[in-house]
Structures are given as C-alpha cells and as structure tokens.
Amino acid sequence: MAAIRWVRKYLKFIKVGSFLGTRQIKRGSIWINLLIISIMTLTFLSLVVIPGILVGLTEGSFEQNREHLTGDLYLTTLPDEETIVNTQDIVRVLDTLSEVESYSVRYKIAATVEAGYINRPDFTKDAESLSINAYAIDPENEEATTDLSKFLVEGEMLENEESGQLLIGATLLQKYSDFADLFEPLVDVEVGRPVRVTLQGEANQGLEQDQALLNGDNRSGQTTEFIVKGIVDSKVSDLSSTIFITESDYRRIAKKTSLQAAEIAIKHSGAISDERFKEIAISYGFGKYAKVRTATEAIPKFLSDVQLTFGLLGNIIGFVGIVVSSITVFIVIYINALTRRKYIGILKGIGISEGAIEFAYVIQSLFYAIIGIGGGLLLVYGVLVPFFVEHPIDFPFSDGILVAEVGPTILRAGILMIITMIAGLLPARIIVRQNTLDSILQR
C-alpha cells in the first residue's frame, strides 16, 4: 500500500509539474524562447561541429591514404628484409580470392632524377638533380586500386604498353613545391621534356647505397632518359614526392626477370571488414613474407597523435560552450522565477508542492534543450555533413571533412540535456525554497 501511495504521489507530482511547465512556455515571450533555443542549437553545434572539423582534418588524410596509397590492406617488407619475399606466390593467391577487388604491386627503387642537362648554360656547375625513391608500377593495376590519374595536374597517365615515360611528383618541382628551404627542387621540368633517371636498386639496400646517393655517386646505377608524361600533385606525400615508371621499364633496365616487391596495396570488395580481410590474408601465410596491416594500422603515428590532440582540443572548446549555455539557461530561469515570486508563493499557498513547481521549471529547460538539440541534429546530418562531403575544406595536408559519428553525437546531446536540466532546476529551487509569505508579499 505504501508503494502504491508513493507512486500516486509522484504521478500527481509529475502531472501538476508538467501542466505548470507547459503553461509557462505557452505564456512566455516567443522571442525569449527563440533566443534560448538558438543558444542551445549553437551550443550543440559547437559540441559537434568544432571537434568534428578538427578530427576531420586528420580523418580526411586517413581516407586519402586508404584510397590512394595503402588500399584496405597494406603489405610492406618485414623489418629484417629488403623486399617482400615470395611476392609472386602472394600475387597468385590474391588472384584466387573472391574478396579481392584489385591490388597493385609496387617496386621501390632508390634513384636519382636529373633535369636541365640539355640546355645547361654553365657546364662548370652540376645539373639539377635529386635523390629520391622511385616506384615501378603496373599502371592499370595501380589505377584500378588507387585512382592515381586523379592527381594528375598536367599530362596523362602511364600505360602498360608504353616505354620510356614517367610521372613525376609536384613536390620535386619548383613551380609547385613549397619546400625550397629543405631541398632544391627541379626547375627545368615540363610535360614532354626529358629527364635522366639513375636507378640504384631496391630502396632498402643499406647504408652504403644511401651514402652513395647522398654523395651524388651514381656510377653504380643504370642511367636512362625518360620523357615526363605527367605531373602528380597529391596531399598524400608519398605520391607527390616520387617518380613512377612502368614495371616493364624497370625489368628491362634492371635486367631482372623476377622481382620481389616492396609494397602491395590491396582493395577488398567491401563485403567484409578490414580486420576480417587481414585474418584471411594471414591465414594464407602472408605474414611470413610481409608486414600485413589494415589501412588504419598503416596510418603514420604522427597523424594519429595529431588526431588525438585535435579531438582533445575540440572537447575543451565544447566544454566551454556547455558552460556558457548552462549559465545562460540558469540566468534566464532565475530571472523568470524571480519575477514570478508572488505567483510561486500563491501556488505554494494553495497547496501545490515545491517539487511540482521545481519540476515545472525543469520541464521548461528540457523543452529548450530538446528543441535546440533537435534543430542542431537536423543541421548537422541534413546540411553540414553532406555539404562537407561535397565541398571538403582544402587544407595543405588533407581535404578536411566533418566527422559526426552517431554514438558520440548522441552522448554529447545527452550531456547537454542533463546539464541544461540542472541549470533550470537550481534557480527554481533557490526561489521556491524562500518563505511563502515573503514571496506573496514581495519581501
């Protein structure tokens, strides 16, 4: 019986409080209501959009690495190996897996690229040259896996049947490069002009090879003239700071019939997760010959650290927004309750419980929170997320997007709602707990 009486008491408490709260909202100033709702919407947007954009800067870079460099699964050399051993066996397995949509086998070669040697006016000075890592690729497979041609700002994509042509990264050229303080970019390079490339061998060949490159010693390599067919400008630094030649040219120049790759980028059909795809690859023994990583695991550590830092910064900014919003709601509810002291005193005098009156103000603040957050959700998922997908922010190292995952967004909405309810309860309690007679007589 006691439990039934307790339930009835609180049901009446909620019913009366809800009636009073709804009545206050209806009779309140529409402009004040709109102002508070706008503040709640903007606060919610600051909680979601600012962290979302900050995280989206690195998320855009992650996606670009996945789509245009690593694929969904990235195979690289083991720490104690210079190449991926048994590359051809891995390729044969990939050709049989239904989960594989496409893959690109890349051969990484230490090289020197030289330009401006034909019309050099002063032969007492060295020609322009840079020591780099070059990629030998199958153009069709690379295009199917990473859409390399998407980043061509000049010229055309390589083709398998062609020979003697290459793509060169924009970072290596003075007309595109912003790194003149770090190295001297090439000046006399245009589409259709020749450059000389000296291939030294696999990029991981050791300290003696690296020292030879640093000293400009190209005698140990095979020098060949190539025509620049295109210029690659990508925010994925590995693509815009190298040159690409065809695998067939490399086989011919290096006089090798069997090559072990340095990287294999694999794209799956999307029917399974990256982690499951990795398990399948390891089950076929790929881990014995190569370092097997998903696209997420292949993210450079500094980018992961930047993402964590930006996420923390966004949360701090969002916390400041919550504090400002809660203070605003507190002040508005307090002023509202203060101007209605006499009315509150009369309600108490006729037997309305203090809890019901306080609950009425909680209902009022909850109304502001629900409408404001609802409007914010519509703006985020109906306007802002699609907008940034179509028009990403152009940052130097990525195309920034708005990251607004449903789970964290709902959590932030819940936190904002609870804090807003508390901000509505406290000032109401301060006024309601005053002496009833003093409230009626305005003392």
Protein backbone atom coordinates (compact mmCIF):
# COMPACT_ATOMS: atom_id res chain seq x y z
CA MET A 1 0.00 0.00 0.00
CA ALA A 2 2.81 2.39 0.84
CA ALA A 3 4.39 1.79 -2.55
CA ILE A 4 1.06 2.49 -4.29
CA ARG A 5 0.65 5.76 -2.37
CA TRP A 6 4.25 6.72 -3.27
CA VAL A 7 3.60 6.05 -6.97
CA ARG A 8 0.35 8.01 -6.94
CA LYS A 9 2.05 10.90 -5.17
CA TYR A 10 4.81 11.16 -7.76
CA LEU A 11 2.45 10.67 -10.69
CA LYS A 12 0.45 13.62 -9.39
CA PHE A 13 3.70 15.49 -8.84
CA ILE A 14 4.74 14.92 -12.48
CA LYS A 15 1.25 15.72 -13.84
CA VAL A 16 0.98 19.04 -11.99
CA GLY A 17 4.58 20.00 -12.77
CA SER A 18 4.13 19.19 -16.46
CA PHE A 19 0.94 21.27 -16.60
CA LEU A 20 2.62 24.26 -14.96
CA GLY A 21 5.73 23.97 -17.12
CA THR A 22 3.75 23.74 -20.37
CA ARG A 23 1.64 26.71 -19.30
CA GLN A 24 4.73 28.80 -18.60
CA ILE A 25 6.20 28.00 -22.02
CA LYS A 26 2.96 28.90 -23.82
CA ARG A 27 2.58 32.17 -21.91
CA GLY A 28 6.25 33.12 -22.14
CA SER A 29 7.70 35.59 -24.64
CA ILE A 30 8.16 33.92 -28.01
CA TRP A 31 11.32 35.97 -28.63
CA ILE A 32 12.93 34.86 -25.37
CA ASN A 33 12.03 31.25 -26.16
CA LEU A 34 13.54 31.56 -29.65
CA LEU A 35 16.66 33.20 -28.20
CA ILE A 36 17.23 30.39 -25.70
CA ILE A 37 16.54 27.71 -28.32
CA SER A 38 19.03 29.40 -30.67
CA ILE A 39 21.63 29.41 -27.90
CA MET A 40 21.02 25.71 -27.29
CA THR A 41 21.34 24.94 -31.02
CA LEU A 42 24.58 26.89 -31.34
CA THR A 43 25.96 25.23 -28.21
CA PHE A 44 25.15 21.80 -29.60
CA LEU A 45 26.77 22.72 -32.91
CA SER A 46 29.91 23.86 -31.08
CA LEU A 47 29.95 20.50 -29.29
CA VAL A 48 29.70 18.51 -32.53
CA VAL A 49 30.96 20.64 -35.42
CA ILE A 50 34.18 22.07 -33.99
CA PRO A 51 35.55 18.70 -32.76
CA GLY A 52 34.20 17.11 -35.94
CA ILE A 53 36.11 19.51 -38.19
CA LEU A 54 39.30 19.24 -36.15
CA VAL A 55 39.16 15.44 -36.23
CA GLY A 56 38.05 15.62 -39.86
CA LEU A 57 41.35 17.24 -40.84
CA THR A 58 43.22 14.06 -39.98
CA GLU A 59 40.30 11.80 -40.95
CA GLY A 60 40.47 13.25 -44.44
CA SER A 61 44.17 12.43 -44.54
CA PHE A 62 43.43 8.88 -43.31
CA GLU A 63 40.88 8.36 -46.07
CA GLN A 64 43.23 9.71 -48.71
CA ASN A 65 45.96 7.33 -47.55
CA ARG A 66 43.48 4.43 -47.71
CA GLU A 67 42.00 5.33 -51.09
CA HIS A 68 45.17 6.42 -52.88
CA LEU A 69 48.17 4.73 -51.20
CA THR A 70 47.64 1.78 -48.86
CA GLY A 71 44.35 0.31 -50.02
CA ASP A 72 42.30 -1.60 -47.44
CA LEU A 73 45.22 -3.95 -46.72
CA TYR A 74 48.84 -2.86 -46.96
CA LEU A 75 51.71 -5.32 -47.35
CA THR A 76 55.24 -3.99 -46.78
CA THR A 77 58.66 -5.52 -46.11
CA LEU A 78 59.45 -7.24 -42.84
CA PRO A 79 61.90 -5.34 -40.59
CA ASP A 80 64.81 -7.67 -41.41
CA GLU A 81 64.06 -7.93 -45.15
CA GLU A 82 64.73 -5.64 -48.11
CA THR A 83 61.79 -6.89 -50.18
CA ILE A 84 58.61 -8.93 -49.83
CA VAL A 85 59.87 -12.47 -50.25
CA ASN A 86 57.76 -14.75 -52.46
CA THR A 87 55.90 -11.80 -53.97
CA GLN A 88 54.72 -13.88 -56.92
CA ASP A 89 53.23 -16.53 -54.62
CA ILE A 90 51.26 -13.81 -52.82
CA VAL A 91 50.05 -12.44 -56.15
CA ARG A 92 48.86 -15.87 -57.24
CA VAL A 93 46.83 -16.22 -54.03
CA LEU A 94 45.32 -12.74 -54.47
CA ASP A 95 44.17 -13.71 -57.95
CA THR A 96 42.14 -16.57 -56.46
CA LEU A 97 40.47 -14.69 -53.58
CA SER A 98 36.91 -13.58 -54.30
CA GLU A 99 37.21 -10.88 -51.61
CA VAL A 100 39.92 -9.06 -53.57
CA GLU A 101 38.63 -6.31 -55.85
CA SER A 102 42.01 -5.07 -57.06
CA TYR A 103 45.63 -4.84 -56.00
CA SER A 104 48.80 -3.01 -57.01
CA VAL A 105 52.29 -4.44 -56.69
CA ARG A 106 54.92 -1.73 -56.29
CA TYR A 107 58.71 -1.96 -56.63
CA LYS A 108 60.54 0.73 -54.71
CA ILE A 109 63.90 1.78 -56.09
CA ALA A 110 66.47 4.25 -54.83
CA ALA A 111 67.08 6.64 -57.70
CA THR A 112 68.46 9.98 -58.79
CA VAL A 113 66.48 12.18 -61.18
CA GLU A 114 68.36 14.81 -63.20
CA ALA A 115 66.96 17.71 -65.24
CA GLY A 116 68.19 20.74 -67.14
CA TYR A 117 71.18 18.93 -68.60
CA ILE A 118 70.38 19.63 -72.27
CA ASN A 119 70.30 23.44 -72.29
CA ARG A 120 72.69 23.92 -69.39
CA PRO A 121 74.49 27.28 -69.99
CA ASP A 122 77.24 26.71 -67.42
CA PHE A 123 78.97 23.32 -67.53
CA THR A 124 81.13 24.21 -64.52
CA LYS A 125 78.05 23.74 -62.34
CA ASP A 126 76.30 20.48 -61.65
CA ALA A 127 72.98 19.80 -63.34
CA GLU A 128 69.83 19.84 -61.28
CA SER A 129 69.38 16.51 -59.52
CA LEU A 130 67.51 14.97 -56.60
CA SER A 131 67.95 11.65 -54.81
CA ILE A 132 64.53 10.02 -54.29
CA ASN A 133 62.72 6.71 -54.02
CA ALA A 134 61.06 5.76 -57.31
CA TYR A 135 58.09 3.45 -57.80
CA ALA A 136 57.84 0.88 -60.58
CA ILE A 137 54.17 0.00 -61.09
CA ASP A 138 51.71 -1.72 -63.34
CA PRO A 139 49.72 1.36 -64.47
CA GLU A 140 46.43 -0.48 -64.99
CA ASN A 141 46.53 -2.20 -61.60
CA GLU A 142 47.62 0.99 -59.86
CA GLU A 143 44.80 2.95 -61.46
CA ALA A 144 42.22 0.33 -60.51
CA THR A 145 43.44 0.30 -56.89
CA THR A 146 44.32 3.93 -56.11
CA ASP A 147 42.98 6.17 -58.94
CA LEU A 148 46.44 7.64 -59.44
CA SER A 149 45.35 9.59 -62.53
CA LYS A 150 43.01 11.63 -60.31
CA PHE A 151 46.03 13.59 -59.10
CA LEU A 152 47.49 14.46 -62.47
CA VAL A 153 47.64 18.25 -62.71
CA GLU A 154 49.42 18.10 -66.05
CA GLY A 155 49.85 15.43 -68.71
CA GLU A 156 48.39 11.92 -68.86
CA MET A 157 48.52 8.59 -67.02
CA LEU A 158 51.12 5.95 -67.89
CA GLU A 159 50.03 2.97 -69.97
CA ASN A 160 51.33 -0.59 -69.81
CA GLU A 161 52.37 -0.80 -73.45
CA GLU A 162 54.38 2.43 -73.29
CA SER A 163 58.09 2.68 -72.62
CA GLY A 164 60.46 5.48 -71.72
CA GLN A 165 57.91 7.70 -69.96
CA LEU A 166 57.36 8.58 -66.31
CA LEU A 167 55.21 10.55 -63.89
CA ILE A 168 56.94 12.95 -61.52
CA GLY A 169 55.70 14.31 -58.18
CA ALA A 170 54.88 18.00 -57.95
CA THR A 171 56.81 18.38 -54.67
CA LEU A 172 60.04 17.78 -56.63
CA LEU A 173 59.36 20.70 -58.99
CA GLN A 174 59.97 24.36 -58.26
CA LYS A 175 56.73 25.53 -59.91
CA TYR A 176 54.67 23.51 -57.41
CA SER A 177 56.91 22.96 -54.41
CA ASP A 178 56.77 24.85 -51.11
CA PHE A 179 59.85 23.11 -49.68
CA ALA A 180 62.64 25.14 -51.22
CA ASP A 181 64.24 25.59 -47.77
CA LEU A 182 64.53 21.80 -47.32
CA PHE A 183 65.90 20.90 -50.75
CA GLU A 184 66.49 22.49 -54.12
CA PRO A 185 63.58 21.48 -56.38
CA LEU A 186 63.99 20.87 -60.08
CA VAL A 187 63.42 23.89 -62.31
CA ASP A 188 63.69 22.79 -65.92
CA VAL A 189 60.97 20.11 -65.89
CA GLU A 190 57.82 20.20 -68.02
CA VAL A 191 55.49 17.62 -69.54
CA GLY A 192 57.09 16.35 -72.76
CA ARG A 193 60.66 17.17 -71.70
CA PRO A 194 63.31 14.54 -70.95
CA VAL A 195 64.88 13.81 -67.58
CA ARG A 196 67.64 11.37 -66.72
CA VAL A 197 66.94 8.74 -64.09
CA THR A 198 69.64 6.66 -62.43
CA LEU A 199 68.23 3.55 -60.79
CA GLN A 200 70.37 2.36 -57.91
CA GLY A 201 68.43 -0.76 -56.88
CA GLU A 202 65.92 -1.57 -54.15
CA ALA A 203 65.26 1.35 -51.86
CA ASN A 204 66.17 -0.67 -48.76
CA GLN A 205 69.60 -1.81 -49.92
CA GLY A 206 71.54 -0.49 -46.98
CA LEU A 207 73.79 2.23 -45.61
CA GLU A 208 76.44 2.05 -48.31
CA GLN A 209 73.83 2.64 -51.01
CA ASP A 210 72.28 5.55 -49.07
CA GLN A 211 75.70 7.13 -48.54
CA ALA A 212 76.45 6.85 -52.25
CA LEU A 213 73.23 8.66 -53.07
CA LEU A 214 73.95 11.42 -50.54
CA ASN A 215 77.38 11.92 -52.10
CA GLY A 216 75.88 12.11 -55.58
CA ASP A 217 77.66 8.93 -56.69
CA ASN A 218 75.53 7.46 -59.48
CA ARG A 219 78.19 5.24 -61.04
CA SER A 220 76.75 2.09 -59.56
CA GLY A 221 73.36 2.60 -61.22
CA GLN A 222 71.84 2.39 -64.66
CA THR A 223 71.11 5.84 -66.14
CA THR A 224 68.22 6.10 -68.60
CA GLU A 225 66.48 9.02 -70.23
CA PHE A 226 62.72 9.27 -69.72
CA ILE A 227 60.10 11.68 -71.07
CA VAL A 228 57.88 13.34 -68.46
CA LYS A 229 54.34 12.27 -69.31
CA GLY A 230 52.53 13.74 -66.29
CA ILE A 231 52.90 15.60 -63.01
CA VAL A 232 51.31 14.17 -59.85
CA ASP A 233 50.14 16.60 -57.17
CA SER A 234 48.58 14.87 -54.16
CA LYS A 235 48.20 15.62 -50.46
CA VAL A 236 49.48 12.10 -49.85
CA SER A 237 53.15 12.99 -49.61
CA ASP A 238 54.39 9.59 -50.82
CA LEU A 239 52.71 10.21 -54.18
CA SER A 240 53.85 13.77 -54.83
CA SER A 241 57.49 13.31 -53.77
CA THR A 242 58.49 10.45 -56.06
CA ILE A 243 58.53 9.35 -59.69
CA PHE A 244 56.57 6.50 -61.29
CA ILE A 245 57.84 4.32 -64.08
CA THR A 246 56.30 1.19 -65.55
CA GLU A 247 57.21 -2.19 -64.15
CA SER A 248 58.20 -3.37 -67.64
CA ASP A 249 60.70 -0.50 -67.99
CA TYR A 250 62.22 -1.36 -64.64
CA ARG A 251 62.52 -5.04 -65.55
CA ARG A 252 64.24 -4.08 -68.81
CA ILE A 253 66.60 -1.52 -67.29
CA ALA A 254 67.47 -3.62 -64.23
CA LYS A 255 67.78 -6.74 -66.41
CA LYS A 256 65.76 -8.79 -63.96
CA THR A 257 63.07 -11.27 -64.90
CA SER A 258 61.85 -12.00 -61.38
CA LEU A 259 61.32 -9.14 -58.94
CA GLN A 260 60.34 -9.04 -55.30
CA ALA A 261 58.06 -6.11 -54.48
CA ALA A 262 58.45 -3.53 -51.74
CA GLU A 263 54.72 -2.85 -51.28
CA ILE A 264 51.38 -4.38 -52.22
CA ALA A 265 48.22 -2.31 -51.81
CA ILE A 266 45.04 -4.40 -51.81
CA LYS A 267 41.43 -3.25 -52.05
CA HIS A 268 38.68 -5.63 -50.99
CA SER A 269 35.10 -5.79 -52.24
CA GLY A 270 33.65 -4.06 -49.16
CA ALA A 271 31.56 -7.07 -48.14
CA ILE A 272 33.87 -7.72 -45.18
CA SER A 273 35.75 -5.59 -42.67
CA ASP A 274 39.42 -4.73 -42.99
CA GLU A 275 40.18 -6.77 -39.88
CA ARG A 276 38.47 -9.86 -41.30
CA PHE A 277 40.28 -9.39 -44.60
CA LYS A 278 43.58 -9.23 -42.70
CA GLU A 279 42.75 -12.50 -40.94
CA ILE A 280 42.12 -14.14 -44.32
CA ALA A 281 45.46 -12.85 -45.67
CA ILE A 282 47.35 -14.11 -42.62
CA SER A 283 45.63 -17.49 -42.88
CA TYR A 284 47.28 -17.87 -46.31
CA GLY A 285 50.70 -17.22 -44.79
CA PHE A 286 51.19 -13.62 -45.95
CA GLY A 287 52.55 -12.72 -42.52
CA LYS A 288 55.60 -14.96 -43.10
CA TYR A 289 56.77 -12.85 -46.02
CA ALA A 290 55.41 -9.36 -45.38
CA LYS A 291 54.21 -6.97 -42.71
CA VAL A 292 50.41 -7.12 -43.02
CA ARG A 293 48.47 -4.06 -41.87
CA THR A 294 44.99 -2.68 -42.35
CA ALA A 295 44.62 0.87 -43.65
CA THR A 296 44.03 2.08 -40.09
CA GLU A 297 47.13 0.32 -38.77
CA ALA A 298 49.20 1.80 -41.58
CA ILE A 299 48.36 5.37 -40.57
CA PRO A 300 51.55 7.29 -39.69
CA LYS A 301 51.89 7.70 -35.93
CA PHE A 302 52.22 11.46 -36.07
CA LEU A 303 48.80 11.69 -37.78
CA SER A 304 47.24 9.56 -35.02
CA ASP A 305 48.82 11.84 -32.41
CA VAL A 306 47.50 14.92 -34.23
CA GLN A 307 44.00 13.40 -34.30
CA LEU A 308 44.07 12.75 -30.54
CA THR A 309 45.29 16.30 -29.90
CA PHE A 310 42.63 17.85 -32.14
CA GLY A 311 39.94 15.68 -30.51
CA LEU A 312 41.02 16.88 -27.05
CA LEU A 313 41.08 20.49 -28.22
CA GLY A 314 37.60 20.13 -29.69
CA ASN A 315 36.27 18.65 -26.44
CA ILE A 316 37.71 21.56 -24.47
CA ILE A 317 36.03 24.05 -26.80
CA GLY A 318 32.77 22.10 -26.50
CA PHE A 319 33.03 22.09 -22.70
CA VAL A 320 33.37 25.88 -22.72
CA GLY A 321 30.23 26.04 -24.88
CA ILE A 322 28.30 23.87 -22.39
CA VAL A 323 29.35 26.12 -19.51
CA VAL A 324 28.23 29.23 -21.39
CA SER A 325 24.92 27.61 -22.32
CA SER A 326 24.22 26.39 -18.78
CA ILE A 327 24.96 29.83 -17.34
CA THR A 328 22.61 31.39 -19.89
CA VAL A 329 19.79 28.97 -19.04
CA PHE A 330 20.44 29.49 -15.31
CA ILE A 331 20.16 33.27 -15.64
CA VAL A 332 17.02 33.13 -17.80
CA ILE A 333 15.24 30.66 -15.48
CA TYR A 334 16.36 32.58 -12.40
CA ILE A 335 15.04 35.90 -13.74
CA ASN A 336 11.84 34.18 -14.84
CA ALA A 337 11.32 32.64 -11.41
CA LEU A 338 12.33 35.85 -9.62
CA THR A 339 9.73 37.93 -11.49
CA ARG A 340 7.13 35.28 -10.62
CA ARG A 341 7.88 35.08 -6.91
CA LYS A 342 4.38 36.21 -5.95
CA TYR A 343 2.81 33.68 -8.31
CA ILE A 344 5.05 30.91 -6.92
CA GLY A 345 4.10 31.94 -3.36
CA ILE A 346 0.40 31.74 -4.21
CA LEU A 347 0.86 28.28 -5.76
CA LYS A 348 2.55 27.11 -2.58
CA GLY A 349 -0.19 28.76 -0.51
CA ILE A 350 -2.95 26.80 -2.25
CA GLY A 351 -1.17 23.53 -1.69
CA ILE A 352 0.98 22.98 -4.79
CA SER A 353 4.14 21.17 -3.66
CA GLU A 354 7.57 22.75 -4.04
CA GLY A 355 8.71 19.72 -6.02
CA ALA A 356 5.93 20.17 -8.60
CA ILE A 357 6.86 23.83 -9.08
CA GLU A 358 10.54 22.97 -9.44
CA PHE A 359 9.65 20.22 -11.90
CA ALA A 360 7.76 22.80 -13.96
CA TYR A 361 11.00 24.75 -14.49
CA VAL A 362 12.87 21.54 -15.29
CA ILE A 363 10.22 20.87 -17.97
CA GLN A 364 10.80 24.37 -19.30
CA SER A 365 14.57 23.91 -19.56
CA LEU A 366 14.08 20.43 -21.04
CA PHE A 367 11.87 21.96 -23.72
CA TYR A 368 14.63 24.39 -24.67
CA ALA A 369 17.18 21.56 -24.76
CA ILE A 370 15.08 19.15 -26.86
CA ILE A 371 14.09 21.75 -29.47
CA GLY A 372 17.60 23.24 -29.63
CA ILE A 373 19.35 19.88 -29.89
CA GLY A 374 16.78 18.62 -32.41
CA GLY A 375 17.46 21.64 -34.60
CA GLY A 376 21.19 21.06 -34.24
CA LEU A 377 20.87 17.40 -35.32
CA LEU A 378 18.90 18.42 -38.40
CA LEU A 379 21.58 20.96 -39.32
CA VAL A 380 24.46 18.54 -38.72
CA TYR A 381 23.14 15.50 -40.58
CA GLY A 382 20.84 17.25 -43.04
CA VAL A 383 23.06 20.13 -44.10
CA LEU A 384 26.63 20.24 -42.76
CA VAL A 385 27.79 16.62 -43.19
CA PRO A 386 26.56 16.37 -46.82
CA PHE A 387 27.99 19.83 -47.55
CA PHE A 388 31.48 18.95 -46.33
CA VAL A 389 31.37 15.65 -48.22
CA GLU A 390 30.71 17.54 -51.44
CA HIS A 391 32.93 20.53 -50.56
CA PRO A 392 35.79 19.39 -48.27
CA ILE A 393 37.95 22.04 -46.64
CA ASP A 394 41.16 22.50 -48.59
CA PHE A 395 44.00 22.14 -46.09
CA PRO A 396 47.65 21.70 -47.10
CA PHE A 397 47.87 18.08 -45.91
CA SER A 398 44.29 16.84 -46.41
CA ASP A 399 40.79 17.54 -47.63
CA GLY A 400 39.01 18.19 -44.33
CA ILE A 401 35.57 16.71 -43.73
CA LEU A 402 33.09 16.87 -40.86
CA VAL A 403 33.25 13.74 -38.69
CA ALA A 404 29.98 13.33 -36.74
CA GLU A 405 29.63 9.71 -35.64
CA VAL A 406 26.17 8.92 -34.29
CA GLY A 407 27.29 7.41 -30.96
CA PRO A 408 29.49 10.30 -29.73
CA THR A 409 26.97 12.83 -31.07
CA ILE A 410 24.09 11.29 -29.08
CA LEU A 411 26.34 11.18 -26.00
CA ARG A 412 27.12 14.90 -26.33
CA ALA A 413 23.40 15.62 -26.81
CA GLY A 414 22.60 13.69 -23.64
CA ILE A 415 25.28 15.53 -21.63
CA LEU A 416 24.00 18.90 -22.85
CA MET A 417 20.41 17.94 -21.99
CA ILE A 418 21.27 16.84 -18.44
CA ILE A 419 23.34 19.95 -17.74
CA THR A 420 20.55 22.16 -19.11
CA MET A 421 18.00 20.45 -16.81
CA ILE A 422 20.28 21.03 -13.83
CA ALA A 423 20.74 24.66 -14.88
CA GLY A 424 16.94 25.02 -14.89
CA LEU A 425 16.42 23.25 -11.56
CA LEU A 426 18.90 25.20 -9.43
CA PRO A 427 17.50 28.73 -9.86
CA ALA A 428 13.94 27.44 -9.48
CA ARG A 429 14.89 25.73 -6.23
CA ILE A 430 16.50 28.93 -4.92
CA ILE A 431 13.28 30.89 -5.45
CA VAL A 432 10.81 28.17 -4.49
CA ARG A 433 12.55 27.45 -1.17
CA GLN A 434 12.00 31.04 0.00
CA ASN A 435 9.38 31.75 2.67
CA THR A 436 5.86 31.52 1.21
CA LEU A 437 4.55 34.65 2.93
CA ASP A 438 7.62 36.68 1.95
CA SER A 439 7.15 35.59 -1.67
CA ILE A 440 3.47 36.61 -1.72
CA LEU A 441 4.17 39.99 -0.07
CA GLN A 442 7.27 40.52 -2.30
CA ARG A 443 9.53 40.95 0.73
